Amino acid sequence: MKQLSTAEVTAMSTVMDPPVIMNTRERRQRAYDIAMKLGLTSVMADYENVRDRHLLTCGLFQTLAADPKLKAAGLNGPTAGHISDFFHWSEHQMHMMFCYCHHHMDVTVHGSAVANAIRGFGM
């Protein structure tokens, strides 16, 4: 077995940032803050069957999934399934917050309308 010097071990090692730990309230607050900063964004049209609904995505979900802090905290995709799992939202909550039928049947809404829906389900 070959012994390595401290310099050799350091050269081989990869220094990683510690994971970002966010509780549910902090995650939801971050989603609220991001939505409030958005201008117009798209929401879901969830006329898909229940089995496929978790695969849906929209502009807001893509924006949330691209956020570095949320990514570091474990958000790993822009679909309704990823979003609901990460933020601990039920299917009913997802529908009430992100379905176009709760936004005057319009799939393009202002981010603040979605942010207020997020706040309505608690942070």
PDB file of N, CA and C in Angstrom:
ATOM      1  N   MET A   1       0.831  -1.160   0.000  1.00  0.00           N
ATOM      2  CA  MET A   1       0.000   0.000   0.000  1.00  0.00           C
ATOM      3  C   MET A   1       0.889   1.242   0.000  1.00  0.00           C
ATOM      4  N   LYS A   2       0.606   2.132  -0.934  1.00  0.00           N
ATOM      5  CA  LYS A   2       1.420   3.327  -1.085  1.00  0.00           C
ATOM      6  C   LYS A   2       0.919   4.417  -0.142  1.00  0.00           C
ATOM      7  N   GLN A   3       1.839   5.026   0.568  1.00  0.00           N
ATOM      8  CA  GLN A   3       1.476   6.144   1.424  1.00  0.00           C
ATOM      9  C   GLN A   3       1.607   7.437   0.640  1.00  0.00           C
ATOM     10  N   LEU A   4       0.627   8.312   0.846  1.00  0.00           N
ATOM     11  CA  LEU A   4       0.615   9.581   0.135  1.00  0.00           C
ATOM     12  C   LEU A   4       0.892  10.719   1.095  1.00  0.00           C
ATOM     13  N   SER A   5       1.526  11.732   0.555  1.00  0.00           N
ATOM     14  CA  SER A   5       1.766  12.917   1.375  1.00  0.00           C
ATOM     15  C   SER A   5       0.467  13.729   1.466  1.00  0.00           C
ATOM     16  N   THR A   6       0.451  14.648   2.400  1.00  0.00           N
ATOM     17  CA  THR A   6      -0.716  15.512   2.557  1.00  0.00           C
ATOM     18  C   THR A   6      -0.973  16.294   1.273  1.00  0.00           C
ATOM     19  N   ALA A   7       0.062  16.762   0.623  1.00  0.00           N
ATOM     20  CA  ALA A   7      -0.080  17.522  -0.621  1.00  0.00           C
ATOM     21  C   ALA A   7      -0.700  16.654  -1.726  1.00  0.00           C
ATOM     22  N   GLU A   8      -0.297  15.380  -1.786  1.00  0.00           N
ATOM     23  CA  GLU A   8      -0.854  14.475  -2.801  1.00  0.00           C
ATOM     24  C   GLU A   8      -2.338  14.186  -2.530  1.00  0.00           C
ATOM     25  N   VAL A   9      -2.697  13.991  -1.279  1.00  0.00           N
ATOM     26  CA  VAL A   9      -4.096  13.740  -0.927  1.00  0.00           C
ATOM     27  C   VAL A   9      -4.936  14.980  -1.228  1.00  0.00           C
ATOM     28  N   THR A  10      -4.410  16.141  -0.884  1.00  0.00           N
ATOM     29  CA  THR A  10      -5.130  17.384  -1.150  1.00  0.00           C
ATOM     30  C   THR A  10      -5.334  17.581  -2.645  1.00  0.00           C
ATOM     31  N   ALA A  11      -4.336  17.270  -3.444  1.00  0.00           N
ATOM     32  CA  ALA A  11      -4.447  17.419  -4.899  1.00  0.00           C
ATOM     33  C   ALA A  11      -5.497  16.481  -5.481  1.00  0.00           C
ATOM     34  N   MET A  12      -5.685  15.321  -4.884  1.00  0.00           N
ATOM     35  CA  MET A  12      -6.652  14.338  -5.379  1.00  0.00           C
ATOM     36  C   MET A  12      -8.073  14.621  -4.885  1.00  0.00           C
ATOM     37  N   SER A  13      -8.204  15.317  -3.790  1.00  0.00           N
ATOM     38  CA  SER A  13      -9.521  15.497  -3.190  1.00  0.00           C
ATOM     39  C   SER A  13     -10.313  16.595  -3.886  1.00  0.00           C
ATOM     40  N   THR A  14     -11.597  16.475  -3.774  1.00  0.00           N
ATOM     41  CA  THR A  14     -12.506  17.484  -4.302  1.00  0.00           C
ATOM     42  C   THR A  14     -13.208  18.131  -3.125  1.00  0.00           C
ATOM     43  N   VAL A  15     -13.087  19.433  -3.052  1.00  0.00           N
ATOM     44  CA  VAL A  15     -13.746  20.154  -1.977  1.00  0.00           C
ATOM     45  C   VAL A  15     -15.154  20.499  -2.458  1.00  0.00           C
ATOM     46  N   MET A  16     -16.136  20.097  -1.669  1.00  0.00           N
ATOM     47  CA  MET A  16     -17.519  20.348  -2.041  1.00  0.00           C
ATOM     48  C   MET A  16     -18.146  21.301  -1.036  1.00  0.00           C
ATOM     49  N   ASP A  17     -19.029  22.133  -1.548  1.00  0.00           N
ATOM     50  CA  ASP A  17     -19.783  22.995  -0.653  1.00  0.00           C
ATOM     51  C   ASP A  17     -20.718  22.136   0.183  1.00  0.00           C
ATOM     52  N   PRO A  18     -20.940  22.512   1.425  1.00  0.00           N
ATOM     53  CA  PRO A  18     -21.886  21.741   2.234  1.00  0.00           C
ATOM     54  C   PRO A  18     -23.285  21.878   1.650  1.00  0.00           C
ATOM     55  N   PRO A  19     -24.128  20.865   1.815  1.00  0.00           N
ATOM     56  CA  PRO A  19     -25.478  20.956   1.259  1.00  0.00           C
ATOM     57  C   PRO A  19     -26.270  22.082   1.945  1.00  0.00           C
ATOM     58  N   VAL A  20     -27.142  22.685   1.179  1.00  0.00           N
ATOM     59  CA  VAL A  20     -28.007  23.719   1.727  1.00  0.00           C
ATOM     60  C   VAL A  20     -29.184  23.020   2.398  1.00  0.00           C
ATOM     61  N   ILE A  21     -29.391  23.297   3.651  1.00  0.00           N
ATOM     62  CA  ILE A  21     -30.488  22.681   4.381  1.00  0.00           C
ATOM     63  C   ILE A  21     -31.579  23.726   4.538  1.00  0.00           C
ATOM     64  N   MET A  22     -32.737  23.436   3.987  1.00  0.00           N
ATOM     65  CA  MET A  22     -33.874  24.342   4.086  1.00  0.00           C
ATOM     66  C   MET A  22     -35.067  23.546   4.591  1.00  0.00           C
ATOM     67  N   ASN A  23     -35.757  24.077   5.580  1.00  0.00           N
ATOM     68  CA  ASN A  23     -36.975  23.397   6.014  1.00  0.00           C
ATOM     69  C   ASN A  23     -38.110  23.770   5.063  1.00  0.00           C
ATOM     70  N   THR A  24     -39.266  23.161   5.253  1.00  0.00           N
ATOM     71  CA  THR A  24     -40.397  23.380   4.344  1.00  0.00           C
ATOM     72  C   THR A  24     -40.800  24.844   4.298  1.00  0.00           C
ATOM     73  N   ARG A  25     -40.830  25.503   5.431  1.00  0.00           N
ATOM     74  CA  ARG A  25     -41.203  26.913   5.456  1.00  0.00           C
ATOM     75  C   ARG A  25     -40.227  27.755   4.642  1.00  0.00           C
ATOM     76  N   GLU A  26     -38.938  27.499   4.794  1.00  0.00           N
ATOM     77  CA  GLU A  26     -37.929  28.247   4.053  1.00  0.00           C
ATOM     78  C   GLU A  26     -38.027  27.972   2.553  1.00  0.00           C
ATOM     79  N   ARG A  27     -38.312  26.728   2.178  1.00  0.00           N
ATOM     80  CA  ARG A  27     -38.472  26.388   0.762  1.00  0.00           C
ATOM     81  C   ARG A  27     -39.660  27.138   0.168  1.00  0.00           C
ATOM     82  N   ARG A  28     -40.784  27.123   0.889  1.00  0.00           N
ATOM     83  CA  ARG A  28     -41.982  27.796   0.404  1.00  0.00           C
ATOM     84  C   ARG A  28     -41.790  29.307   0.362  1.00  0.00           C
ATOM     85  N   GLN A  29     -41.067  29.846   1.325  1.00  0.00           N
ATOM     86  CA  GLN A  29     -40.773  31.283   1.316  1.00  0.00           C
ATOM     87  C   GLN A  29     -39.940  31.630   0.095  1.00  0.00           C
ATOM     88  N   ARG A  30     -38.991  30.793  -0.247  1.00  0.00           N
ATOM     89  CA  ARG A  30     -38.153  31.022  -1.430  1.00  0.00           C
ATOM     90  C   ARG A  30     -39.009  30.979  -2.696  1.00  0.00           C
ATOM     91  N   ALA A  31     -39.936  30.023  -2.775  1.00  0.00           N
ATOM     92  CA  ALA A  31     -40.831  29.937  -3.931  1.00  0.00           C
ATOM     93  C   ALA A  31     -41.688  31.190  -4.029  1.00  0.00           C
ATOM     94  N   TYR A  32     -42.191  31.651  -2.900  1.00  0.00           N
ATOM     95  CA  TYR A  32     -42.995  32.884  -2.851  1.00  0.00           C
ATOM     96  C   TYR A  32     -42.167  34.063  -3.356  1.00  0.00           C
ATOM     97  N   ASP A  33     -40.957  34.213  -2.847  1.00  0.00           N
ATOM     98  CA  ASP A  33     -40.096  35.332  -3.234  1.00  0.00           C
ATOM     99  C   ASP A  33     -39.796  35.309  -4.733  1.00  0.00           C
ATOM    100  N   ILE A  34     -39.525  34.128  -5.270  1.00  0.00           N
ATOM    101  CA  ILE A  34     -39.238  34.006  -6.702  1.00  0.00           C
ATOM    102  C   ILE A  34     -40.476  34.359  -7.517  1.00  0.00           C
ATOM    103  N   ALA A  35     -41.619  33.840  -7.121  1.00  0.00           N
ATOM    104  CA  ALA A  35     -42.857  34.119  -7.858  1.00  0.00           C
ATOM    105  C   ALA A  35     -43.189  35.610  -7.829  1.00  0.00           C
ATOM    106  N   MET A  36     -42.946  36.267  -6.697  1.00  0.00           N
ATOM    107  CA  MET A  36     -43.234  37.704  -6.581  1.00  0.00           C
ATOM    108  C   MET A  36     -42.380  38.527  -7.543  1.00  0.00           C
ATOM    109  N   LYS A  37     -41.187  38.059  -7.849  1.00  0.00           N
ATOM    110  CA  LYS A  37     -40.285  38.800  -8.736  1.00  0.00           C
ATOM    111  C   LYS A  37     -40.580  38.567 -10.216  1.00  0.00           C
ATOM    112  N   LEU A  38     -41.361  37.545 -10.503  1.00  0.00           N
ATOM    113  CA  LEU A  38     -41.661  37.228 -11.901  1.00  0.00           C
ATOM    114  C   LEU A  38     -42.662  38.217 -12.470  1.00  0.00           C
ATOM    115  N   GLY A  39     -42.525  38.478 -13.727  1.00  0.00           N
ATOM    116  CA  GLY A  39     -43.570  39.200 -14.439  1.00  0.00           C
ATOM    117  C   GLY A  39     -44.627  38.169 -14.814  1.00  0.00           C
ATOM    118  N   LEU A  40     -44.893  38.048 -16.084  1.00  0.00           N
ATOM    119  CA  LEU A  40     -45.844  37.037 -16.534  1.00  0.00           C
ATOM    120  C   LEU A  40     -45.166  35.678 -16.563  1.00  0.00           C
ATOM    121  N   THR A  41     -45.888  34.661 -16.158  1.00  0.00           N
ATOM    122  CA  THR A  41     -45.384  33.299 -16.188  1.00  0.00           C
ATOM    123  C   THR A  41     -46.539  32.377 -16.543  1.00  0.00           C
ATOM    124  N   SER A  42     -46.197  31.180 -16.946  1.00  0.00           N
ATOM    125  CA  SER A  42     -47.258  30.229 -17.283  1.00  0.00           C
ATOM    126  C   SER A  42     -47.549  29.341 -16.081  1.00  0.00           C
ATOM    127  N   VAL A  43     -48.798  28.902 -16.009  1.00  0.00           N
ATOM    128  CA  VAL A  43     -49.220  27.936 -14.997  1.00  0.00           C
ATOM    129  C   VAL A  43     -49.727  26.693 -15.720  1.00  0.00           C
ATOM    130  N   MET A  44     -50.110  25.677 -14.977  1.00  0.00           N
ATOM    131  CA  MET A  44     -50.498  24.403 -15.577  1.00  0.00           C
ATOM    132  C   MET A  44     -51.918  24.428 -16.115  1.00  0.00           C
ATOM    133  N   ALA A  45     -52.116  23.630 -17.129  1.00  0.00           N
ATOM    134  CA  ALA A  45     -53.459  23.292 -17.598  1.00  0.00           C
ATOM    135  C   ALA A  45     -53.585  21.797 -17.313  1.00  0.00           C
ATOM    136  N   ASP A  46     -54.185  21.458 -16.188  1.00  0.00           N
ATOM    137  CA  ASP A  46     -54.112  20.068 -15.719  1.00  0.00           C
ATOM    138  C   ASP A  46     -55.298  19.207 -16.157  1.00  0.00           C
ATOM    139  N   TYR A  47     -55.595  19.277 -17.426  1.00  0.00           N
ATOM    140  CA  TYR A  47     -56.631  18.398 -17.952  1.00  0.00           C
ATOM    141  C   TYR A  47     -56.085  17.012 -18.258  1.00  0.00           C
ATOM    142  N   GLU A  48     -54.843  16.786 -17.927  1.00  0.00           N
ATOM    143  CA  GLU A  48     -54.254  15.452 -18.066  1.00  0.00           C
ATOM    144  C   GLU A  48     -54.907  14.511 -17.058  1.00  0.00           C
ATOM    145  N   ASN A  49     -54.819  13.223 -17.333  1.00  0.00           N
ATOM    146  CA  ASN A  49     -55.352  12.277 -16.348  1.00  0.00           C
ATOM    147  C   ASN A  49     -54.459  12.285 -15.103  1.00  0.00           C
ATOM    148  N   VAL A  50     -55.010  11.842 -14.025  1.00  0.00           N
ATOM    149  CA  VAL A  50     -54.311  11.910 -12.734  1.00  0.00           C
ATOM    150  C   VAL A  50     -52.961  11.199 -12.790  1.00  0.00           C
ATOM    151  N   ARG A  51     -52.889  10.097 -13.504  1.00  0.00           N
ATOM    152  CA  ARG A  51     -51.659   9.299 -13.565  1.00  0.00           C
ATOM    153  C   ARG A  51     -50.507  10.095 -14.191  1.00  0.00           C
ATOM    154  N   ASP A  52     -50.813  10.967 -15.178  1.00  0.00           N
ATOM    155  CA  ASP A  52     -49.766  11.699 -15.888  1.00  0.00           C
ATOM    156  C   ASP A  52     -49.565  13.126 -15.395  1.00  0.00           C
ATOM    157  N   ARG A  53     -50.375  13.558 -14.457  1.00  0.00           N
ATOM    158  CA  ARG A  53     -50.327  14.949 -14.006  1.00  0.00           C
ATOM    159  C   ARG A  53     -48.987  15.302 -13.386  1.00  0.00           C
ATOM    160  N   HIS A  54     -48.334  14.362 -12.726  1.00  0.00           N
ATOM    161  CA  HIS A  54     -47.049  14.642 -12.078  1.00  0.00           C
ATOM    162  C   HIS A  54     -45.945  14.977 -13.082  1.00  0.00           C
ATOM    163  N   LEU A  55     -46.184  14.709 -14.379  1.00  0.00           N
ATOM    164  CA  LEU A  55     -45.191  14.979 -15.410  1.00  0.00           C
ATOM    165  C   LEU A  55     -45.308  16.388 -15.997  1.00  0.00           C
ATOM    166  N   LEU A  56     -46.388  17.100 -15.658  1.00  0.00           N
ATOM    167  CA  LEU A  56     -46.612  18.432 -16.215  1.00  0.00           C
ATOM    168  C   LEU A  56     -45.578  19.429 -15.707  1.00  0.00           C
ATOM    169  N   THR A  57     -45.327  20.446 -16.505  1.00  0.00           N
ATOM    170  CA  THR A  57     -44.435  21.517 -16.097  1.00  0.00           C
ATOM    171  C   THR A  57     -45.013  22.844 -16.558  1.00  0.00           C
ATOM    172  N   CYS A  58     -44.440  23.916 -16.102  1.00  0.00           N
ATOM    173  CA  CYS A  58     -44.863  25.254 -16.529  1.00  0.00           C
ATOM    174  C   CYS A  58     -43.694  26.204 -16.301  1.00  0.00           C
ATOM    175  N   GLY A  59     -43.872  27.451 -16.726  1.00  0.00           N
ATOM    176  CA  GLY A  59     -42.793  28.432 -16.609  1.00  0.00           C
ATOM    177  C   GLY A  59     -42.305  28.629 -15.194  1.00  0.00           C
ATOM    178  N   LEU A  60     -43.233  28.699 -14.247  1.00  0.00           N
ATOM    179  CA  LEU A  60     -42.831  28.898 -12.854  1.00  0.00           C
ATOM    180  C   LEU A  60     -42.024  27.706 -12.340  1.00  0.00           C
ATOM    181  N   PHE A  61     -42.456  26.495 -12.660  1.00  0.00           N
ATOM    182  CA  PHE A  61     -41.723  25.309 -12.193  1.00  0.00           C
ATOM    183  C   PHE A  61     -40.309  25.299 -12.757  1.00  0.00           C
ATOM    184  N   GLN A  62     -40.156  25.708 -14.010  1.00  0.00           N
ATOM    185  CA  GLN A  62     -38.825  25.755 -14.619  1.00  0.00           C
ATOM    186  C   GLN A  62     -37.954  26.814 -13.946  1.00  0.00           C
ATOM    187  N   THR A  63     -38.568  27.932 -13.585  1.00  0.00           N
ATOM    188  CA  THR A  63     -37.830  28.986 -12.880  1.00  0.00           C
ATOM    189  C   THR A  63     -37.398  28.505 -11.497  1.00  0.00           C
ATOM    190  N   LEU A  64     -38.302  27.847 -10.776  1.00  0.00           N
ATOM    191  CA  LEU A  64     -37.954  27.323  -9.450  1.00  0.00           C
ATOM    192  C   LEU A  64     -36.843  26.290  -9.546  1.00  0.00           C
ATOM    193  N   ALA A  65     -36.940  25.394 -10.538  1.00  0.00           N
ATOM    194  CA  ALA A  65     -35.938  24.327 -10.683  1.00  0.00           C
ATOM    195  C   ALA A  65     -34.567  24.879 -11.068  1.00  0.00           C
ATOM    196  N   ALA A  66     -34.531  26.056 -11.674  1.00  0.00           N
ATOM    197  CA  ALA A  66     -33.254  26.654 -12.066  1.00  0.00           C
ATOM    198  C   ALA A  66     -32.611  27.469 -10.949  1.00  0.00           C
ATOM    199  N   ASP A  67     -33.334  27.709  -9.866  1.00  0.00           N
ATOM    200  CA  ASP A  67     -32.801  28.509  -8.765  1.00  0.00           C
ATOM    201  C   ASP A  67     -31.668  27.768  -8.058  1.00  0.00           C
ATOM    202  N   PRO A  68     -30.493  28.382  -7.932  1.00  0.00           N
ATOM    203  CA  PRO A  68     -29.346  27.688  -7.323  1.00  0.00           C
ATOM    204  C   PRO A  68     -29.589  27.241  -5.882  1.00  0.00           C
ATOM    205  N   LYS A  69     -30.249  28.065  -5.082  1.00  0.00           N
ATOM    206  CA  LYS A  69     -30.482  27.676  -3.683  1.00  0.00           C
ATOM    207  C   LYS A  69     -31.421  26.479  -3.585  1.00  0.00           C
ATOM    208  N   LEU A  70     -32.481  26.481  -4.383  1.00  0.00           N
ATOM    209  CA  LEU A  70     -33.418  25.354  -4.349  1.00  0.00           C
ATOM    210  C   LEU A  70     -32.771  24.091  -4.905  1.00  0.00           C
ATOM    211  N   LYS A  71     -31.954  24.259  -5.947  1.00  0.00           N
ATOM    212  CA  LYS A  71     -31.223  23.100  -6.486  1.00  0.00           C
ATOM    213  C   LYS A  71     -30.296  22.511  -5.423  1.00  0.00           C
ATOM    214  N   ALA A  72     -29.575  23.393  -4.736  1.00  0.00           N
ATOM    215  CA  ALA A  72     -28.638  22.931  -3.704  1.00  0.00           C
ATOM    216  C   ALA A  72     -29.368  22.260  -2.548  1.00  0.00           C
ATOM    217  N   ALA A  73     -30.624  22.673  -2.323  1.00  0.00           N
ATOM    218  CA  ALA A  73     -31.410  22.070  -1.242  1.00  0.00           C
ATOM    219  C   ALA A  73     -32.088  20.775  -1.666  1.00  0.00           C
ATOM    220  N   GLY A  74     -31.985  20.415  -2.958  1.00  0.00           N
ATOM    221  CA  GLY A  74     -32.488  19.123  -3.394  1.00  0.00           C
ATOM    222  C   GLY A  74     -33.584  19.115  -4.443  1.00  0.00           C
ATOM    223  N   LEU A  75     -33.996  20.279  -4.953  1.00  0.00           N
ATOM    224  CA  LEU A  75     -35.006  20.295  -6.016  1.00  0.00           C
ATOM    225  C   LEU A  75     -34.328  19.824  -7.292  1.00  0.00           C
ATOM    226  N   ASN A  76     -34.788  18.708  -7.819  1.00  0.00           N
ATOM    227  CA  ASN A  76     -34.063  18.107  -8.940  1.00  0.00           C
ATOM    228  C   ASN A  76     -34.847  18.014 -10.232  1.00  0.00           C
ATOM    229  N   GLY A  77     -35.852  18.844 -10.412  1.00  0.00           N
ATOM    230  CA  GLY A  77     -36.553  18.837 -11.691  1.00  0.00           C
ATOM    231  C   GLY A  77     -37.709  19.810 -11.732  1.00  0.00           C
ATOM    232  N   PRO A  78     -38.186  20.125 -12.967  1.00  0.00           N
ATOM    233  CA  PRO A  78     -39.216  21.135 -13.136  1.00  0.00           C
ATOM    234  C   PRO A  78     -40.632  20.590 -13.322  1.00  0.00           C
ATOM    235  N   THR A  79     -40.874  19.352 -12.964  1.00  0.00           N
ATOM    236  CA  THR A  79     -42.217  18.805 -13.174  1.00  0.00           C
ATOM    237  C   THR A  79     -43.067  18.966 -11.915  1.00  0.00           C
ATOM    238  N   ALA A  80     -44.368  18.810 -12.085  1.00  0.00           N
ATOM    239  CA  ALA A  80     -45.285  18.919 -10.945  1.00  0.00           C
ATOM    240  C   ALA A  80     -44.922  17.903  -9.862  1.00  0.00           C
ATOM    241  N   GLY A  81     -44.479  16.732 -10.252  1.00  0.00           N
ATOM    242  CA  GLY A  81     -44.071  15.721  -9.275  1.00  0.00           C
ATOM    243  C   GLY A  81     -42.880  16.169  -8.448  1.00  0.00           C
ATOM    244  N   HIS A  82     -41.866  16.724  -9.116  1.00  0.00           N
ATOM    245  CA  HIS A  82     -40.693  17.230  -8.392  1.00  0.00           C
ATOM    246  C   HIS A  82     -41.079  18.364  -7.452  1.00  0.00           C
ATOM    247  N   ILE A  83     -41.887  19.282  -7.948  1.00  0.00           N
ATOM    248  CA  ILE A  83     -42.277  20.451  -7.166  1.00  0.00           C
ATOM    249  C   ILE A  83     -43.091  20.042  -5.942  1.00  0.00           C
ATOM    250  N   SER A  84     -44.086  19.175  -6.143  1.00  0.00           N
ATOM    251  CA  SER A  84     -44.944  18.784  -5.014  1.00  0.00           C
ATOM    252  C   SER A  84     -44.152  18.002  -3.967  1.00  0.00           C
ATOM    253  N   ASP A  85     -43.251  17.148  -4.389  1.00  0.00           N
ATOM    254  CA  ASP A  85     -42.430  16.395  -3.437  1.00  0.00           C
ATOM    255  C   ASP A  85     -41.503  17.321  -2.652  1.00  0.00           C
ATOM    256  N   PHE A  86     -40.845  18.239  -3.342  1.00  0.00           N
ATOM    257  CA  PHE A  86     -39.868  19.110  -2.712  1.00  0.00           C
ATOM    258  C   PHE A  86     -40.503  20.075  -1.715  1.00  0.00           C
ATOM    259  N   PHE A  87     -41.637  20.659  -2.104  1.00  0.00           N
ATOM    260  CA  PHE A  87     -42.287  21.652  -1.245  1.00  0.00           C
ATOM    261  C   PHE A  87     -43.332  21.033  -0.310  1.00  0.00           C
ATOM    262  N   HIS A  88     -43.523  19.741  -0.401  1.00  0.00           N
ATOM    263  CA  HIS A  88     -44.501  19.024   0.437  1.00  0.00           C
ATOM    264  C   HIS A  88     -45.916  19.562   0.228  1.00  0.00           C
ATOM    265  N   TRP A  89     -46.305  19.740  -1.055  1.00  0.00           N
ATOM    266  CA  TRP A  89     -47.646  20.184  -1.389  1.00  0.00           C
ATOM    267  C   TRP A  89     -48.454  18.991  -1.877  1.00  0.00           C
ATOM    268  N   SER A  90     -49.693  18.904  -1.447  1.00  0.00           N
ATOM    269  CA  SER A  90     -50.581  17.823  -1.886  1.00  0.00           C
ATOM    270  C   SER A  90     -51.045  18.094  -3.324  1.00  0.00           C
ATOM    271  N   GLU A  91     -51.654  17.105  -3.927  1.00  0.00           N
ATOM    272  CA  GLU A  91     -52.188  17.283  -5.272  1.00  0.00           C
ATOM    273  C   GLU A  91     -53.258  18.375  -5.279  1.00  0.00           C
ATOM    274  N   HIS A  92     -54.069  18.404  -4.237  1.00  0.00           N
ATOM    275  CA  HIS A  92     -55.101  19.439  -4.130  1.00  0.00           C
ATOM    276  C   HIS A  92     -54.470  20.834  -4.049  1.00  0.00           C
ATOM    277  N   GLN A  93     -53.445  20.986  -3.223  1.00  0.00           N
ATOM    278  CA  GLN A  93     -52.769  22.273  -3.110  1.00  0.00           C
ATOM    279  C   GLN A  93     -52.144  22.683  -4.444  1.00  0.00           C
ATOM    280  N   MET A  94     -51.506  21.727  -5.118  1.00  0.00           N
ATOM    281  CA  MET A  94     -50.905  22.016  -6.420  1.00  0.00           C
ATOM    282  C   MET A  94     -51.963  22.520  -7.392  1.00  0.00           C
ATOM    283  N   HIS A  95     -53.098  21.859  -7.405  1.00  0.00           N
ATOM    284  CA  HIS A  95     -54.175  22.261  -8.311  1.00  0.00           C
ATOM    285  C   HIS A  95     -54.662  23.673  -7.979  1.00  0.00           C
ATOM    286  N   MET A  96     -54.880  23.944  -6.709  1.00  0.00           N
ATOM    287  CA  MET A  96     -55.400  25.250  -6.302  1.00  0.00           C
ATOM    288  C   MET A  96     -54.404  26.383  -6.593  1.00  0.00           C
ATOM    289  N   MET A  97     -53.129  26.119  -6.481  1.00  0.00           N
ATOM    290  CA  MET A  97     -52.135  27.166  -6.678  1.00  0.00           C
ATOM    291  C   MET A  97     -51.739  27.361  -8.140  1.00  0.00           C
ATOM    292  N   PHE A  98     -51.631  26.263  -8.881  1.00  0.00           N
ATOM    293  CA  PHE A  98     -50.972  26.336 -10.179  1.00  0.00           C
ATOM    294  C   PHE A  98     -51.841  26.000 -11.384  1.00  0.00           C
ATOM    295  N   CYS A  99     -53.088  25.642 -11.204  1.00  0.00           N
ATOM    296  CA  CYS A  99     -53.932  25.310 -12.353  1.00  0.00           C
ATOM    297  C   CYS A  99     -54.562  26.570 -12.925  1.00  0.00           C
ATOM    298  N   TYR A 100     -54.604  26.637 -14.219  1.00  0.00           N
ATOM    299  CA  TYR A 100     -55.161  27.806 -14.882  1.00  0.00           C
ATOM    300  C   TYR A 100     -56.618  28.052 -14.518  1.00  0.00           C
ATOM    301  N   CYS A 101     -57.353  27.018 -14.129  1.00  0.00           N
ATOM    302  CA  CYS A 101     -58.772  27.210 -13.811  1.00  0.00           C
ATOM    303  C   CYS A 101     -58.958  28.056 -12.551  1.00  0.00           C
ATOM    304  N   HIS A 102     -57.920  28.214 -11.753  1.00  0.00           N
ATOM    305  CA  HIS A 102     -57.981  29.083 -10.573  1.00  0.00           C
ATOM    306  C   HIS A 102     -57.327  30.441 -10.839  1.00  0.00           C
ATOM    307  N   HIS A 103     -56.980  30.665 -12.101  1.00  0.00           N
ATOM    308  CA  HIS A 103     -56.389  31.939 -12.519  1.00  0.00           C
ATOM    309  C   HIS A 103     -57.173  32.488 -13.708  1.00  0.00           C
ATOM    310  N   HIS A 104     -58.480  32.509 -13.581  1.00  0.00           N
ATOM    311  CA  HIS A 104     -59.384  33.065 -14.596  1.00  0.00           C
ATOM    312  C   HIS A 104     -59.231  32.380 -15.958  1.00  0.00           C
ATOM    313  N   MET A 105     -58.962  31.076 -15.931  1.00  0.00           N
ATOM    314  CA  MET A 105     -58.843  30.259 -17.143  1.00  0.00           C
ATOM    315  C   MET A 105     -57.751  30.780 -18.087  1.00  0.00           C
ATOM    316  N   ASP A 106     -56.720  31.338 -17.531  1.00  0.00           N
ATOM    317  CA  ASP A 106     -55.612  31.890 -18.310  1.00  0.00           C
ATOM    318  C   ASP A 106     -54.339  31.160 -17.915  1.00  0.00           C
ATOM    319  N   VAL A 107     -53.606  30.639 -18.884  1.00  0.00           N
ATOM    320  CA  VAL A 107     -52.373  29.924 -18.553  1.00  0.00           C
ATOM    321  C   VAL A 107     -51.193  30.879 -18.358  1.00  0.00           C
ATOM    322  N   THR A 108     -51.367  32.146 -18.703  1.00  0.00           N
ATOM    323  CA  THR A 108     -50.321  33.140 -18.475  1.00  0.00           C
ATOM    324  C   THR A 108     -50.818  34.111 -17.408  1.00  0.00           C
ATOM    325  N   VAL A 109     -50.147  34.119 -16.277  1.00  0.00           N
ATOM    326  CA  VAL A 109     -50.567  34.959 -15.153  1.00  0.00           C
ATOM    327  C   VAL A 109     -49.368  35.724 -14.609  1.00  0.00           C
ATOM    328  N   HIS A 110     -49.647  36.730 -13.803  1.00  0.00           N
ATOM    329  CA  HIS A 110     -48.580  37.477 -13.160  1.00  0.00           C
ATOM    330  C   HIS A 110     -48.055  36.660 -11.976  1.00  0.00           C
ATOM    331  N   GLY A 111     -46.766  36.688 -11.780  1.00  0.00           N
ATOM    332  CA  GLY A 111     -46.146  35.924 -10.700  1.00  0.00           C
ATOM    333  C   GLY A 111     -46.719  36.233  -9.331  1.00  0.00           C
ATOM    334  N   SER A 112     -47.138  37.471  -9.107  1.00  0.00           N
ATOM    335  CA  SER A 112     -47.664  37.830  -7.794  1.00  0.00           C
ATOM    336  C   SER A 112     -48.964  37.089  -7.485  1.00  0.00           C
ATOM    337  N   ALA A 113     -49.749  36.766  -8.519  1.00  0.00           N
ATOM    338  CA  ALA A 113     -50.989  36.000  -8.298  1.00  0.00           C
ATOM    339  C   ALA A 113     -50.661  34.599  -7.801  1.00  0.00           C
ATOM    340  N   VAL A 114     -49.633  34.007  -8.366  1.00  0.00           N
ATOM    341  CA  VAL A 114     -49.209  32.681  -7.923  1.00  0.00           C
ATOM    342  C   VAL A 114     -48.583  32.774  -6.534  1.00  0.00           C
ATOM    343  N   ALA A 115     -47.801  33.824  -6.300  1.00  0.00           N
ATOM    344  CA  ALA A 115     -47.179  34.008  -4.983  1.00  0.00           C
ATOM    345  C   ALA A 115     -48.245  34.111  -3.892  1.00  0.00           C
ATOM    346  N   ASN A 116     -49.313  34.841  -4.153  1.00  0.00           N
ATOM    347  CA  ASN A 116     -50.368  34.969  -3.180  1.00  0.00           C
ATOM    348  C   ASN A 116     -51.064  33.634  -2.938  1.00  0.00           C
ATOM    349  N   ALA A 117     -51.185  32.813  -3.982  1.00  0.00           N
ATOM    350  CA  ALA A 117     -51.757  31.470  -3.807  1.00  0.00           C
ATOM    351  C   ALA A 117     -50.830  30.609  -2.944  1.00  0.00           C
ATOM    352  N   ILE A 118     -49.522  30.750  -3.158  1.00  0.00           N
ATOM    353  CA  ILE A 118     -48.550  30.011  -2.336  1.00  0.00           C
ATOM    354  C   ILE A 118     -48.673  30.439  -0.880  1.00  0.00           C
ATOM    355  N   ARG A 119     -48.769  31.724  -0.641  1.00  0.00           N
ATOM    356  CA  ARG A 119     -48.892  32.235   0.724  1.00  0.00           C
ATOM    357  C   ARG A 119     -50.187  31.727   1.361  1.00  0.00           C
ATOM    358  N   GLY A 120     -51.249  31.597   0.558  1.00  0.00           N
ATOM    359  CA  GLY A 120     -52.526  31.138   1.073  1.00  0.00           C
ATOM    360  C   GLY A 120     -52.490  29.744   1.658  1.00  0.00           C
ATOM    361  N   PHE A 121     -51.540  28.916   1.234  1.00  0.00           N
ATOM    362  CA  PHE A 121     -51.406  27.575   1.764  1.00  0.00           C
ATOM    363  C   PHE A 121     -50.348  27.488   2.857  1.00  0.00           C
ATOM    364  N   GLY A 122     -49.891  28.616   3.309  1.00  0.00           N
ATOM    365  CA  GLY A 122     -48.970  28.633   4.453  1.00  0.00           C
ATOM    366  C   GLY A 122     -47.532  28.437   4.048  1.00  0.00           C
ATOM    367  N   MET A 123     -46.694  29.080   4.829  1.00  0.00           N
ATOM    368  CA  MET A 123     -45.267  28.953   4.609  1.00  0.00           C
ATOM    369  C   MET A 123     -44.661  28.572   5.886  1.00  0.00           C
TER     370      MET A 123
END
